[in-house]
Amino acid sequence: ELMPYRACYPIFKLVYSAAANASHN
């Protein structure tokens, strides 16, 4: 969230998705 690079948003979504998979499945 704090890094100023454009590439952070897709990586953020991917990490968030992996955590959602872990908690749900």
mmCIF file of all heavy atoms, coordinates in Angstrom:
data_MODEL
# 
_entry.id   MODEL 
# 
loop_
_atom_site.group_PDB 
_atom_site.id 
_atom_site.type_symbol 
_atom_site.label_atom_id 
_atom_site.label_alt_id 
_atom_site.label_comp_id 
_atom_site.label_asym_id 
_atom_site.label_entity_id 
_atom_site.label_seq_id 
_atom_site.pdbx_PDB_ins_code 
_atom_site.Cartn_x 
_atom_site.Cartn_y 
_atom_site.Cartn_z 
_atom_site.occupancy 
_atom_site.B_iso_or_equiv 
_atom_site.pdbx_formal_charge 
_atom_site.auth_seq_id 
_atom_site.auth_comp_id 
_atom_site.auth_asym_id 
_atom_site.auth_atom_id 
_atom_site.pdbx_PDB_model_num 
ATOM 1   N N   . GLU A 1 1  ? 0.820   -1.206  0.000   1.00 0.00 ? 1  GLU A N   1 
ATOM 2   C CA  . GLU A 1 1  ? 0.000   0.000   0.000   1.00 0.00 ? 1  GLU A CA  1 
ATOM 3   C C   . GLU A 1 1  ? 0.857   1.261   0.000   1.00 0.00 ? 1  GLU A C   1 
ATOM 4   O O   . GLU A 1 1  ? 0.454   2.281   -0.545  1.00 0.00 ? 1  GLU A O   1 
ATOM 5   C CB  . GLU A 1 1  ? -0.921  0.015   1.212   1.00 0.00 ? 1  GLU A CB  1 
ATOM 6   C CG  . GLU A 1 1  ? -2.074  -0.946  1.099   1.00 0.00 ? 1  GLU A CG  1 
ATOM 7   C CD  . GLU A 1 1  ? -2.924  -0.990  2.342   1.00 0.00 ? 1  GLU A CD  1 
ATOM 8   O OE1 . GLU A 1 1  ? -2.556  -0.344  3.350   1.00 0.00 ? 1  GLU A OE1 1 
ATOM 9   O OE2 . GLU A 1 1  ? -3.954  -1.671  2.313   1.00 0.00 ? 1  GLU A OE2 1 
ATOM 10  N N   . LEU A 1 2  ? 2.037   1.190   0.581   1.00 0.00 ? 2  LEU A N   1 
ATOM 11  C CA  . LEU A 1 2  ? 2.855   2.392   0.737   1.00 0.00 ? 2  LEU A CA  1 
ATOM 12  C C   . LEU A 1 2  ? 3.911   2.583   -0.348  1.00 0.00 ? 2  LEU A C   1 
ATOM 13  O O   . LEU A 1 2  ? 4.482   3.667   -0.446  1.00 0.00 ? 2  LEU A O   1 
ATOM 14  C CB  . LEU A 1 2  ? 3.531   2.377   2.111   1.00 0.00 ? 2  LEU A CB  1 
ATOM 15  C CG  . LEU A 1 2  ? 2.570   2.423   3.295   1.00 0.00 ? 2  LEU A CG  1 
ATOM 16  C CD1 . LEU A 1 2  ? 3.334   2.300   4.592   1.00 0.00 ? 2  LEU A CD1 1 
ATOM 17  C CD2 . LEU A 1 2  ? 1.736   3.687   3.268   1.00 0.00 ? 2  LEU A CD2 1 
ATOM 18  N N   . MET A 1 3  ? 4.178   1.560   -1.133  1.00 0.00 ? 3  MET A N   1 
ATOM 19  C CA  . MET A 1 3  ? 5.173   1.705   -2.197  1.00 0.00 ? 3  MET A CA  1 
ATOM 20  C C   . MET A 1 3  ? 4.580   2.512   -3.354  1.00 0.00 ? 3  MET A C   1 
ATOM 21  O O   . MET A 1 3  ? 3.423   2.331   -3.704  1.00 0.00 ? 3  MET A O   1 
ATOM 22  C CB  . MET A 1 3  ? 5.651   0.342   -2.694  1.00 0.00 ? 3  MET A CB  1 
ATOM 23  C CG  . MET A 1 3  ? 6.555   -0.358  -1.713  1.00 0.00 ? 3  MET A CG  1 
ATOM 24  S SD  . MET A 1 3  ? 7.111   -1.940  -2.313  1.00 0.00 ? 3  MET A SD  1 
ATOM 25  C CE  . MET A 1 3  ? 8.541   -1.459  -3.218  1.00 0.00 ? 3  MET A CE  1 
ATOM 26  N N   . PRO A 1 4  ? 5.370   3.372   -3.973  1.00 0.00 ? 4  PRO A N   1 
ATOM 27  C CA  . PRO A 1 4  ? 4.820   4.276   -5.003  1.00 0.00 ? 4  PRO A CA  1 
ATOM 28  C C   . PRO A 1 4  ? 4.800   3.714   -6.421  1.00 0.00 ? 4  PRO A C   1 
ATOM 29  O O   . PRO A 1 4  ? 4.574   4.466   -7.360  1.00 0.00 ? 4  PRO A O   1 
ATOM 30  C CB  . PRO A 1 4  ? 5.776   5.469   -4.923  1.00 0.00 ? 4  PRO A CB  1 
ATOM 31  C CG  . PRO A 1 4  ? 7.079   4.864   -4.548  1.00 0.00 ? 4  PRO A CG  1 
ATOM 32  C CD  . PRO A 1 4  ? 6.736   3.730   -3.619  1.00 0.00 ? 4  PRO A CD  1 
ATOM 33  N N   . TYR A 1 5  ? 5.015   2.412   -6.600  1.00 0.00 ? 5  TYR A N   1 
ATOM 34  C CA  . TYR A 1 5  ? 5.128   1.869   -7.948  1.00 0.00 ? 5  TYR A CA  1 
ATOM 35  C C   . TYR A 1 5  ? 3.782   1.404   -8.489  1.00 0.00 ? 5  TYR A C   1 
ATOM 36  O O   . TYR A 1 5  ? 2.908   0.978   -7.741  1.00 0.00 ? 5  TYR A O   1 
ATOM 37  C CB  . TYR A 1 5  ? 6.101   0.687   -7.959  1.00 0.00 ? 5  TYR A CB  1 
ATOM 38  C CG  . TYR A 1 5  ? 7.463   1.039   -7.440  1.00 0.00 ? 5  TYR A CG  1 
ATOM 39  C CD1 . TYR A 1 5  ? 7.980   0.390   -6.341  1.00 0.00 ? 5  TYR A CD1 1 
ATOM 40  C CD2 . TYR A 1 5  ? 8.224   2.030   -8.048  1.00 0.00 ? 5  TYR A CD2 1 
ATOM 41  C CE1 . TYR A 1 5  ? 9.230   0.711   -5.854  1.00 0.00 ? 5  TYR A CE1 1 
ATOM 42  C CE2 . TYR A 1 5  ? 9.473   2.349   -7.574  1.00 0.00 ? 5  TYR A CE2 1 
ATOM 43  C CZ  . TYR A 1 5  ? 9.972   1.694   -6.472  1.00 0.00 ? 5  TYR A CZ  1 
ATOM 44  O OH  . TYR A 1 5  ? 11.203  2.017   -6.003  1.00 0.00 ? 5  TYR A OH  1 
ATOM 45  N N   . ARG A 1 6  ? 3.632   1.469   -9.808  1.00 0.00 ? 6  ARG A N   1 
ATOM 46  C CA  . ARG A 1 6  ? 2.402   1.069   -10.468 1.00 0.00 ? 6  ARG A CA  1 
ATOM 47  C C   . ARG A 1 6  ? 2.185   -0.441  -10.399 1.00 0.00 ? 6  ARG A C   1 
ATOM 48  O O   . ARG A 1 6  ? 1.058   -0.924  -10.413 1.00 0.00 ? 6  ARG A O   1 
ATOM 49  C CB  . ARG A 1 6  ? 2.443   1.511   -11.925 1.00 0.00 ? 6  ARG A CB  1 
ATOM 50  C CG  . ARG A 1 6  ? 1.121   1.424   -12.616 1.00 0.00 ? 6  ARG A CG  1 
ATOM 51  C CD  . ARG A 1 6  ? 1.250   1.664   -14.092 1.00 0.00 ? 6  ARG A CD  1 
ATOM 52  N NE  . ARG A 1 6  ? 0.952   0.382   -14.739 1.00 0.00 ? 6  ARG A NE  1 
ATOM 53  C CZ  . ARG A 1 6  ? 1.580   -0.118  -15.778 1.00 0.00 ? 6  ARG A CZ  1 
ATOM 54  N NH1 . ARG A 1 6  ? 2.556   0.547   -16.322 1.00 0.00 ? 6  ARG A NH1 1 
ATOM 55  N NH2 . ARG A 1 6  ? 1.244   -1.257  -16.284 1.00 0.00 ? 6  ARG A NH2 1 
ATOM 56  N N   . ALA A 1 7  ? 3.245   -1.193  -10.297 1.00 0.00 ? 7  ALA A N   1 
ATOM 57  C CA  . ALA A 1 7  ? 3.159   -2.649  -10.268 1.00 0.00 ? 7  ALA A CA  1 
ATOM 58  C C   . ALA A 1 7  ? 2.646   -3.174  -8.932  1.00 0.00 ? 7  ALA A C   1 
ATOM 59  O O   . ALA A 1 7  ? 2.353   -4.358  -8.818  1.00 0.00 ? 7  ALA A O   1 
ATOM 60  C CB  . ALA A 1 7  ? 4.527   -3.249  -10.562 1.00 0.00 ? 7  ALA A CB  1 
ATOM 61  N N   . CYS A 1 8  ? 2.512   -2.327  -7.935  1.00 0.00 ? 8  CYS A N   1 
ATOM 62  C CA  . CYS A 1 8  ? 2.076   -2.785  -6.617  1.00 0.00 ? 8  CYS A CA  1 
ATOM 63  C C   . CYS A 1 8  ? 0.622   -3.231  -6.604  1.00 0.00 ? 8  CYS A C   1 
ATOM 64  O O   . CYS A 1 8  ? 0.276   -4.167  -5.893  1.00 0.00 ? 8  CYS A O   1 
ATOM 65  C CB  . CYS A 1 8  ? 2.261   -1.675  -5.588  1.00 0.00 ? 8  CYS A CB  1 
ATOM 66  S SG  . CYS A 1 8  ? 3.963   -1.383  -5.171  1.00 0.00 ? 8  CYS A SG  1 
ATOM 67  N N   . TYR A 1 9  ? -0.233  -2.571  -7.370  1.00 0.00 ? 9  TYR A N   1 
ATOM 68  C CA  . TYR A 1 9  ? -1.658  -2.886  -7.299  1.00 0.00 ? 9  TYR A CA  1 
ATOM 69  C C   . TYR A 1 9  ? -1.987  -4.308  -7.764  1.00 0.00 ? 9  TYR A C   1 
ATOM 70  O O   . TYR A 1 9  ? -2.695  -5.024  -7.057  1.00 0.00 ? 9  TYR A O   1 
ATOM 71  C CB  . TYR A 1 9  ? -2.478  -1.849  -8.066  1.00 0.00 ? 9  TYR A CB  1 
ATOM 72  C CG  . TYR A 1 9  ? -3.954  -2.070  -7.959  1.00 0.00 ? 9  TYR A CG  1 
ATOM 73  C CD1 . TYR A 1 9  ? -4.602  -1.909  -6.736  1.00 0.00 ? 9  TYR A CD1 1 
ATOM 74  C CD2 . TYR A 1 9  ? -4.701  -2.467  -9.046  1.00 0.00 ? 9  TYR A CD2 1 
ATOM 75  C CE1 . TYR A 1 9  ? -5.953  -2.135  -6.613  1.00 0.00 ? 9  TYR A CE1 1 
ATOM 76  C CE2 . TYR A 1 9  ? -6.053  -2.690  -8.942  1.00 0.00 ? 9  TYR A CE2 1 
ATOM 77  C CZ  . TYR A 1 9  ? -6.676  -2.513  -7.721  1.00 0.00 ? 9  TYR A CZ  1 
ATOM 78  O OH  . TYR A 1 9  ? -8.022  -2.745  -7.611  1.00 0.00 ? 9  TYR A OH  1 
ATOM 79  N N   . PRO A 1 10 ? -1.496  -4.773  -8.923  1.00 0.00 ? 10 PRO A N   1 
ATOM 80  C CA  . PRO A 1 10 ? -1.797  -6.160  -9.299  1.00 0.00 ? 10 PRO A CA  1 
ATOM 81  C C   . PRO A 1 10 ? -1.209  -7.191  -8.333  1.00 0.00 ? 10 PRO A C   1 
ATOM 82  O O   . PRO A 1 10 ? -1.824  -8.227  -8.068  1.00 0.00 ? 10 PRO A O   1 
ATOM 83  C CB  . PRO A 1 10 ? -1.170  -6.321  -10.682 1.00 0.00 ? 10 PRO A CB  1 
ATOM 84  C CG  . PRO A 1 10 ? -0.909  -4.974  -11.166 1.00 0.00 ? 10 PRO A CG  1 
ATOM 85  C CD  . PRO A 1 10 ? -0.807  -4.082  -9.995  1.00 0.00 ? 10 PRO A CD  1 
ATOM 86  N N   . ILE A 1 11 ? -0.048  -6.900  -7.763  1.00 0.00 ? 11 ILE A N   1 
ATOM 87  C CA  . ILE A 1 11 ? 0.562   -7.809  -6.801  1.00 0.00 ? 11 ILE A CA  1 
ATOM 88  C C   . ILE A 1 11 ? -0.240  -7.800  -5.499  1.00 0.00 ? 11 ILE A C   1 
ATOM 89  O O   . ILE A 1 11 ? -0.442  -8.834  -4.872  1.00 0.00 ? 11 ILE A O   1 
ATOM 90  C CB  . ILE A 1 11 ? 2.037   -7.448  -6.580  1.00 0.00 ? 11 ILE A CB  1 
ATOM 91  C CG1 . ILE A 1 11 ? 2.806   -7.657  -7.882  1.00 0.00 ? 11 ILE A CG1 1 
ATOM 92  C CG2 . ILE A 1 11 ? 2.647   -8.265  -5.455  1.00 0.00 ? 11 ILE A CG2 1 
ATOM 93  C CD1 . ILE A 1 11 ? 4.208   -7.143  -7.868  1.00 0.00 ? 11 ILE A CD1 1 
ATOM 94  N N   . PHE A 1 12 ? -0.738  -6.631  -5.117  1.00 0.00 ? 12 PHE A N   1 
ATOM 95  C CA  . PHE A 1 12 ? -1.595  -6.513  -3.936  1.00 0.00 ? 12 PHE A CA  1 
ATOM 96  C C   . PHE A 1 12 ? -2.850  -7.358  -4.104  1.00 0.00 ? 12 PHE A C   1 
ATOM 97  O O   . PHE A 1 12 ? -3.243  -8.096  -3.200  1.00 0.00 ? 12 PHE A O   1 
ATOM 98  C CB  . PHE A 1 12 ? -1.966  -5.042  -3.727  1.00 0.00 ? 12 PHE A CB  1 
ATOM 99  C CG  . PHE A 1 12 ? -2.909  -4.810  -2.586  1.00 0.00 ? 12 PHE A CG  1 
ATOM 100 C CD1 . PHE A 1 12 ? -2.432  -4.698  -1.297  1.00 0.00 ? 12 PHE A CD1 1 
ATOM 101 C CD2 . PHE A 1 12 ? -4.275  -4.691  -2.803  1.00 0.00 ? 12 PHE A CD2 1 
ATOM 102 C CE1 . PHE A 1 12 ? -3.304  -4.482  -0.241  1.00 0.00 ? 12 PHE A CE1 1 
ATOM 103 C CE2 . PHE A 1 12 ? -5.146  -4.483  -1.758  1.00 0.00 ? 12 PHE A CE2 1 
ATOM 104 C CZ  . PHE A 1 12 ? -4.660  -4.375  -0.466  1.00 0.00 ? 12 PHE A CZ  1 
ATOM 105 N N   . LYS A 1 13 ? -3.480  -7.282  -5.267  1.00 0.00 ? 13 LYS A N   1 
ATOM 106 C CA  . LYS A 1 13 ? -4.675  -8.069  -5.534  1.00 0.00 ? 13 LYS A CA  1 
ATOM 107 C C   . LYS A 1 13 ? -4.378  -9.565  -5.489  1.00 0.00 ? 13 LYS A C   1 
ATOM 108 O O   . LYS A 1 13 ? -5.180  -10.360 -5.003  1.00 0.00 ? 13 LYS A O   1 
ATOM 109 C CB  . LYS A 1 13 ? -5.268  -7.701  -6.895  1.00 0.00 ? 13 LYS A CB  1 
ATOM 110 C CG  . LYS A 1 13 ? -5.989  -6.383  -6.888  1.00 0.00 ? 13 LYS A CG  1 
ATOM 111 C CD  . LYS A 1 13 ? -6.485  -5.928  -8.238  1.00 0.00 ? 13 LYS A CD  1 
ATOM 112 C CE  . LYS A 1 13 ? -7.100  -6.981  -9.090  1.00 0.00 ? 13 LYS A CE  1 
ATOM 113 N NZ  . LYS A 1 13 ? -7.661  -6.459  -10.349 1.00 0.00 ? 13 LYS A NZ  1 
ATOM 114 N N   . LEU A 1 14 ? -3.216  -9.952  -5.993  1.00 0.00 ? 14 LEU A N   1 
ATOM 115 C CA  . LEU A 1 14 ? -2.834  -11.359 -6.016  1.00 0.00 ? 14 LEU A CA  1 
ATOM 116 C C   . LEU A 1 14 ? -2.578  -11.903 -4.607  1.00 0.00 ? 14 LEU A C   1 
ATOM 117 O O   . LEU A 1 14 ? -3.027  -12.997 -4.270  1.00 0.00 ? 14 LEU A O   1 
ATOM 118 C CB  . LEU A 1 14 ? -1.588  -11.517 -6.884  1.00 0.00 ? 14 LEU A CB  1 
ATOM 119 C CG  . LEU A 1 14 ? -1.240  -12.895 -7.353  1.00 0.00 ? 14 LEU A CG  1 
ATOM 120 C CD1 . LEU A 1 14 ? -2.362  -13.447 -8.216  1.00 0.00 ? 14 LEU A CD1 1 
ATOM 121 C CD2 . LEU A 1 14 ? 0.038   -12.860 -8.145  1.00 0.00 ? 14 LEU A CD2 1 
ATOM 122 N N   . VAL A 1 15 ? -1.901  -11.136 -3.777  1.00 0.00 ? 15 VAL A N   1 
ATOM 123 C CA  . VAL A 1 15 ? -1.631  -11.552 -2.394  1.00 0.00 ? 15 VAL A CA  1 
ATOM 124 C C   . VAL A 1 15 ? -2.941  -11.619 -1.612  1.00 0.00 ? 15 VAL A C   1 
ATOM 125 O O   . VAL A 1 15 ? -3.179  -12.555 -0.832  1.00 0.00 ? 15 VAL A O   1 
ATOM 126 C CB  . VAL A 1 15 ? -0.624  -10.585 -1.728  1.00 0.00 ? 15 VAL A CB  1 
ATOM 127 C CG1 . VAL A 1 15 ? -0.531  -10.824 -0.241  1.00 0.00 ? 15 VAL A CG1 1 
ATOM 128 C CG2 . VAL A 1 15 ? 0.740   -10.723 -2.368  1.00 0.00 ? 15 VAL A CG2 1 
ATOM 129 N N   . TYR A 1 16 ? -3.802  -10.649 -1.836  1.00 0.00 ? 16 TYR A N   1 
ATOM 130 C CA  . TYR A 1 16 ? -5.102  -10.621 -1.160  1.00 0.00 ? 16 TYR A CA  1 
ATOM 131 C C   . TYR A 1 16 ? -5.940  -11.833 -1.561  1.00 0.00 ? 16 TYR A C   1 
ATOM 132 O O   . TYR A 1 16 ? -6.625  -12.442 -0.742  1.00 0.00 ? 16 TYR A O   1 
ATOM 133 C CB  . TYR A 1 16 ? -5.812  -9.318  -1.497  1.00 0.00 ? 16 TYR A CB  1 
ATOM 134 C CG  . TYR A 1 16 ? -7.025  -9.040  -0.654  1.00 0.00 ? 16 TYR A CG  1 
ATOM 135 C CD1 . TYR A 1 16 ? -6.891  -8.567  0.650   1.00 0.00 ? 16 TYR A CD1 1 
ATOM 136 C CD2 . TYR A 1 16 ? -8.298  -9.245  -1.160  1.00 0.00 ? 16 TYR A CD2 1 
ATOM 137 C CE1 . TYR A 1 16 ? -7.996  -8.312  1.425   1.00 0.00 ? 16 TYR A CE1 1 
ATOM 138 C CE2 . TYR A 1 16 ? -9.409  -9.000  -0.385  1.00 0.00 ? 16 TYR A CE2 1 
ATOM 139 C CZ  . TYR A 1 16 ? -9.262  -8.518  0.896   1.00 0.00 ? 16 TYR A CZ  1 
ATOM 140 O OH  . TYR A 1 16 ? -10.358 -8.279  1.669   1.00 0.00 ? 16 TYR A OH  1 
ATOM 141 N N   . SER A 1 17 ? -5.876  -12.202 -2.839  1.00 0.00 ? 17 SER A N   1 
ATOM 142 C CA  . SER A 1 17 ? -6.610  -13.360 -3.336  1.00 0.00 ? 17 SER A CA  1 
ATOM 143 C C   . SER A 1 17 ? -6.084  -14.653 -2.731  1.00 0.00 ? 17 SER A C   1 
ATOM 144 O O   . SER A 1 17 ? -6.858  -15.552 -2.385  1.00 0.00 ? 17 SER A O   1 
ATOM 145 C CB  . SER A 1 17 ? -6.521  -13.411 -4.859  1.00 0.00 ? 17 SER A CB  1 
ATOM 146 O OG  . SER A 1 17 ? -7.069  -14.588 -5.351  1.00 0.00 ? 17 SER A OG  1 
ATOM 147 N N   . ALA A 1 18 ? -4.772  -14.772 -2.612  1.00 0.00 ? 18 ALA A N   1 
ATOM 148 C CA  . ALA A 1 18 ? -4.183  -15.969 -2.006  1.00 0.00 ? 18 ALA A CA  1 
ATOM 149 C C   . ALA A 1 18 ? -4.602  -16.095 -0.541  1.00 0.00 ? 18 ALA A C   1 
ATOM 150 O O   . ALA A 1 18 ? -4.882  -17.199 -0.062  1.00 0.00 ? 18 ALA A O   1 
ATOM 151 C CB  . ALA A 1 18 ? -2.666  -15.930 -2.131  1.00 0.00 ? 18 ALA A CB  1 
ATOM 152 N N   . ALA A 1 19 ? -4.668  -14.975 0.170   1.00 0.00 ? 19 ALA A N   1 
ATOM 153 C CA  . ALA A 1 19 ? -5.096  -15.016 1.571   1.00 0.00 ? 19 ALA A CA  1 
ATOM 154 C C   . ALA A 1 19 ? -6.574  -15.372 1.677   1.00 0.00 ? 19 ALA A C   1 
ATOM 155 O O   . ALA A 1 19 ? -6.982  -16.099 2.594   1.00 0.00 ? 19 ALA A O   1 
ATOM 156 C CB  . ALA A 1 19 ? -4.830  -13.674 2.228   1.00 0.00 ? 19 ALA A CB  1 
ATOM 157 N N   . ALA A 1 20 ? -7.383  -14.894 0.751   1.00 0.00 ? 20 ALA A N   1 
ATOM 158 C CA  . ALA A 1 20 ? -8.801  -15.242 0.752   1.00 0.00 ? 20 ALA A CA  1 
ATOM 159 C C   . ALA A 1 20 ? -8.984  -16.729 0.459   1.00 0.00 ? 20 ALA A C   1 
ATOM 160 O O   . ALA A 1 20 ? -9.842  -17.389 1.062   1.00 0.00 ? 20 ALA A O   1 
ATOM 161 C CB  . ALA A 1 20 ? -9.551  -14.402 -0.277  1.00 0.00 ? 20 ALA A CB  1 
ATOM 162 N N   . ASN A 1 21 ? -8.169  -17.282 -0.451  1.00 0.00 ? 21 ASN A N   1 
ATOM 163 C CA  . ASN A 1 21 ? -8.207  -18.712 -0.719  1.00 0.00 ? 21 ASN A CA  1 
ATOM 164 C C   . ASN A 1 21 ? -7.848  -19.511 0.536   1.00 0.00 ? 21 ASN A C   1 
ATOM 165 O O   . ASN A 1 21 ? -8.463  -20.534 0.837   1.00 0.00 ? 21 ASN A O   1 
ATOM 166 C CB  . ASN A 1 21 ? -7.235  -19.086 -1.838  1.00 0.00 ? 21 ASN A CB  1 
ATOM 167 C CG  . ASN A 1 21 ? -7.683  -18.603 -3.181  1.00 0.00 ? 21 ASN A CG  1 
ATOM 168 O OD1 . ASN A 1 21 ? -8.835  -18.237 -3.365  1.00 0.00 ? 21 ASN A OD1 1 
ATOM 169 N ND2 . ASN A 1 21 ? -6.775  -18.582 -4.126  1.00 0.00 ? 21 ASN A ND2 1 
ATOM 170 N N   . ALA A 1 22 ? -6.846  -19.039 1.254   1.00 0.00 ? 22 ALA A N   1 
ATOM 171 C CA  . ALA A 1 22 ? -6.392  -19.750 2.451   1.00 0.00 ? 22 ALA A CA  1 
ATOM 172 C C   . ALA A 1 22 ? -7.452  -19.736 3.542   1.00 0.00 ? 22 ALA A C   1 
ATOM 173 O O   . ALA A 1 22 ? -7.691  -20.749 4.197   1.00 0.00 ? 22 ALA A O   1 
ATOM 174 C CB  . ALA A 1 22 ? -5.105  -19.126 2.968   1.00 0.00 ? 22 ALA A CB  1 
ATOM 175 N N   . SER A 1 23 ? -8.101  -18.597 3.740   1.00 0.00 ? 23 SER A N   1 
ATOM 176 C CA  . SER A 1 23 ? -9.083  -18.518 4.815   1.00 0.00 ? 23 SER A CA  1 
ATOM 177 C C   . SER A 1 23 ? -10.385 -19.223 4.444   1.00 0.00 ? 23 SER A C   1 
ATOM 178 O O   . SER A 1 23 ? -11.016 -19.847 5.294   1.00 0.00 ? 23 SER A O   1 
ATOM 179 C CB  . SER A 1 23 ? -9.351  -17.058 5.184   1.00 0.00 ? 23 SER A CB  1 
ATOM 180 O OG  . SER A 1 23 ? -9.968  -16.393 4.096   1.00 0.00 ? 23 SER A OG  1 
ATOM 181 N N   . HIS A 1 24 ? -10.774 -19.167 3.182   1.00 0.00 ? 24 HIS A N   1 
ATOM 182 C CA  . HIS A 1 24 ? -12.042 -19.777 2.786   1.00 0.00 ? 24 HIS A CA  1 
ATOM 183 C C   . HIS A 1 24 ? -11.916 -21.284 2.569   1.00 0.00 ? 24 HIS A C   1 
ATOM 184 O O   . HIS A 1 24 ? -12.717 -22.062 3.084   1.00 0.00 ? 24 HIS A O   1 
ATOM 185 C CB  . HIS A 1 24 ? -12.567 -19.116 1.511   1.00 0.00 ? 24 HIS A CB  1 
ATOM 186 C CG  . HIS A 1 24 ? -13.893 -19.641 1.077   1.00 0.00 ? 24 HIS A CG  1 
ATOM 187 N ND1 . HIS A 1 24 ? -14.014 -20.643 0.158   1.00 0.00 ? 24 HIS A ND1 1 
ATOM 188 C CD2 . HIS A 1 24 ? -15.141 -19.311 1.452   1.00 0.00 ? 24 HIS A CD2 1 
ATOM 189 C CE1 . HIS A 1 24 ? -15.292 -20.919 -0.026  1.00 0.00 ? 24 HIS A CE1 1 
ATOM 190 N NE2 . HIS A 1 24 ? -16.007 -20.110 0.746   1.00 0.00 ? 24 HIS A NE2 1 
ATOM 191 N N   . ASN A 1 25 ? -10.920 -21.703 1.807   1.00 0.00 ? 25 ASN A N   1 
ATOM 192 C CA  . ASN A 1 25 ? -10.810 -23.119 1.446   1.00 0.00 ? 25 ASN A CA  1 
ATOM 193 C C   . ASN A 1 25 ? -10.182 -23.970 2.539   1.00 0.00 ? 25 ASN A C   1 
ATOM 194 O O   . ASN A 1 25 ? -10.590 -25.108 2.754   1.00 0.00 ? 25 ASN A O   1 
ATOM 195 C CB  . ASN A 1 25 ? -9.996  -23.269 0.161   1.00 0.00 ? 25 ASN A CB  1 
ATOM 196 C CG  . ASN A 1 25 ? -10.669 -22.601 -1.010  1.00 0.00 ? 25 ASN A CG  1 
ATOM 197 O OD1 . ASN A 1 25 ? -11.872 -22.344 -0.995  1.00 0.00 ? 25 ASN A OD1 1 
ATOM 198 N ND2 . ASN A 1 25 ? -9.896  -22.296 -2.032  1.00 0.00 ? 25 ASN A ND2 1 
# 
